[in-house]
Protein backbone atom coordinates (compact mmCIF):
# COMPACT_ATOMS: atom_id res chain seq x y z
CA MET A 1 0.04 0.16 0.27
CA LEU A 2 2.96 1.91 0.27
CA PHE A 3 2.95 2.61 -4.06
CA ASP A 4 -0.64 3.93 -3.07
CA GLU A 5 1.14 7.13 -1.02
CA LEU A 6 3.51 7.38 -3.51
CA ALA A 7 1.23 7.58 -6.30
CA CYS A 8 -0.85 10.42 -4.41
CA HIS A 9 2.66 12.27 -3.46
CA PHE A 10 4.13 12.09 -6.95
CA PRO A 11 1.61 12.67 -8.86
CA LYS A 12 4.06 13.04 -12.10
CA LEU A 13 5.72 10.02 -11.66
CA ARG A 14 4.80 7.04 -13.63
CA PHE A 15 5.13 3.51 -12.47
CA SER A 16 4.05 0.35 -13.18
CA MET A 17 2.93 -2.80 -11.00
CA GLU A 18 4.37 -5.93 -12.48
CA GLN A 19 2.39 -9.03 -12.17
CA ILE A 20 -0.66 -6.59 -11.05
CA GLY A 21 0.27 -7.72 -7.52
CA GLY A 22 -0.39 -11.62 -8.11
CA VAL A 23 -1.81 -14.03 -6.42
CA SER A 24 -1.42 -12.50 -3.34
CA PHE A 25 -1.21 -8.65 -3.88
CA PHE A 26 -4.17 -8.54 -7.02
CA LEU A 27 -6.83 -6.40 -4.80
CA ASP A 28 -4.08 -4.29 -3.06
CA SER A 29 -2.94 -3.78 -6.38
CA LEU A 30 -6.20 -2.75 -7.44
CA ALA A 31 -6.66 -1.01 -4.70
CA VAL A 32 -3.73 1.50 -5.76
CA MET A 33 -5.05 2.14 -9.39
CA THR A 34 -8.56 2.60 -8.16
CA ASN A 35 -7.66 5.09 -5.80
CA ASN A 36 -4.60 7.21 -8.03
CA LYS A 37 -7.97 7.10 -11.39
CA ARG A 38 -8.78 10.91 -11.33
CA SER A 39 -11.59 10.18 -12.80
CA PRO A 40 -13.49 7.67 -15.32
CA ASN A 41 -13.48 10.18 -18.66
CA ALA A 42 -9.80 11.53 -17.23
CA GLU A 43 -6.63 11.03 -18.49
CA PRO A 44 -4.88 8.01 -17.07
CA SER A 45 -3.32 7.73 -13.72
CA ASN A 46 0.52 7.66 -13.31
CA VAL A 47 0.10 4.08 -11.58
CA TYR A 48 -0.29 1.37 -14.29
CA GLY A 49 -0.61 -2.34 -14.12
CA GLY A 50 2.15 -4.70 -16.15
CA VAL A 51 -0.23 -7.79 -17.53
CA THR A 52 3.10 -9.30 -19.00
CA SER A 53 3.64 -12.17 -16.93
CA ILE A 54 -0.05 -13.14 -15.46
CA LEU A 55 -1.17 -15.71 -18.30
CA ASN A 56 0.81 -18.71 -17.96
CA LYS A 57 0.53 -21.00 -15.42
CA SER A 58 2.61 -23.27 -15.56
CA LYS A 59 5.75 -20.43 -15.91
CA ASN A 60 4.71 -19.01 -12.20
CA GLU A 61 1.37 -20.32 -10.56
CA LEU A 62 1.81 -17.72 -7.84
CA TRP A 63 1.78 -14.79 -10.92
CA TYR A 64 -1.04 -16.13 -12.73
CA LEU A 65 -4.13 -14.09 -12.76
CA GLY A 66 -5.54 -15.57 -16.25
CA PRO A 67 -8.04 -13.72 -18.88
CA GLU A 68 -11.25 -13.27 -16.34
CA LYS A 69 -8.74 -10.42 -14.05
CA ILE A 70 -7.56 -8.52 -17.05
CA GLU A 71 -10.82 -8.32 -18.53
CA TYR A 72 -12.13 -7.43 -15.44
CA LEU A 73 -9.02 -4.79 -14.76
CA VAL A 74 -10.34 -3.14 -18.21
CA ARG A 75 -14.29 -2.88 -16.72
CA LEU A 76 -12.75 -1.58 -14.04
CA VAL A 77 -9.61 0.76 -14.46
CA GLY A 78 -9.70 0.83 -18.24
CA SER A 79 -7.28 -0.59 -20.48
CA GLU A 80 -5.37 2.78 -20.77
CA GLN A 81 -3.97 1.80 -17.34
CA LEU A 82 -2.54 -2.16 -18.47
CA ILE A 83 0.51 -2.45 -20.34
CA PHE A 84 2.17 -5.53 -21.88
CA GLY A 85 5.73 -5.81 -22.71
CA LEU A 86 7.79 -4.66 -19.59
CA ASP A 87 8.56 -7.96 -18.37
CA PHE A 88 10.24 -9.32 -21.39
CA PRO A 89 12.55 -11.04 -20.94
CA TYR A 90 11.18 -13.38 -18.64
CA ASN A 91 8.94 -14.26 -20.57
CA GLY A 92 10.80 -15.88 -23.77
CA ILE A 93 9.88 -16.81 -26.78
CA LYS A 94 7.27 -19.62 -26.12
CA GLU A 95 5.08 -17.90 -23.60
CA THR A 96 5.13 -14.33 -25.31
CA PRO A 97 3.00 -15.04 -28.48
CA GLU A 98 0.95 -17.31 -26.15
CA SER A 99 0.17 -14.50 -23.66
CA ILE A 100 -0.56 -12.22 -27.05
CA GLU A 101 -3.31 -14.72 -28.48
CA VAL A 102 -5.27 -14.43 -24.92
CA ILE A 103 -4.95 -10.98 -25.21
CA SER A 104 -6.46 -11.33 -28.83
CA ALA A 105 -8.88 -13.40 -27.38
CA LEU A 106 -10.36 -11.38 -24.48
CA ASN A 107 -13.90 -10.25 -24.88
CA ILE A 108 -12.82 -6.70 -24.62
CA SER A 109 -13.17 -4.14 -27.31
CA THR A 110 -10.36 -4.12 -30.59
CA GLN A 111 -9.51 -0.78 -29.29
CA ASP A 112 -8.68 -2.17 -25.71
CA LYS A 113 -6.81 -4.97 -26.92
CA ALA A 114 -4.57 -2.64 -29.16
CA ASN A 115 -3.91 -0.37 -26.08
CA LEU A 116 -2.71 -3.63 -24.18
CA LEU A 117 -0.59 -4.34 -27.05
CA GLY A 118 1.61 -1.92 -27.41
CA GLY A 119 -1.23 1.37 -27.62
CA ASN A 120 -0.70 2.35 -23.95
CA LEU A 121 3.49 2.13 -23.85
CA GLU A 122 3.58 4.33 -27.17
CA ARG A 123 1.49 6.60 -25.64
CA ILE A 124 3.41 7.14 -22.65
CA ILE A 125 6.62 6.72 -24.11
CA ASN A 126 5.83 9.82 -26.21
CA GLU A 127 4.62 12.30 -23.77
């Protein structure tokens, strides 16, 4: 929960909580992300959730959150707060395409998928 204090006191500092806390800290990470969301239609907050290593159960079950949790996150915090790709090279040549396939099959909009699969990262880098 110290991340919540950090995000509040330094609103221009951007950071990503990788694995969105995994199984153990998912709700804590979700709380930090929602607490720092300015409003439903506002610019994304400074807190992002890394979704790179949460889609492969056999790699690390403690981090696995699965597709349902990503769809849940998109509904609660918006796709603008989620980033795929920061955890490379932890996920290698085998896991990365598998995760991209999972994201491509999610029950979310085409724009949400584009945000996760590089759109958000490109936006953040270019700001």
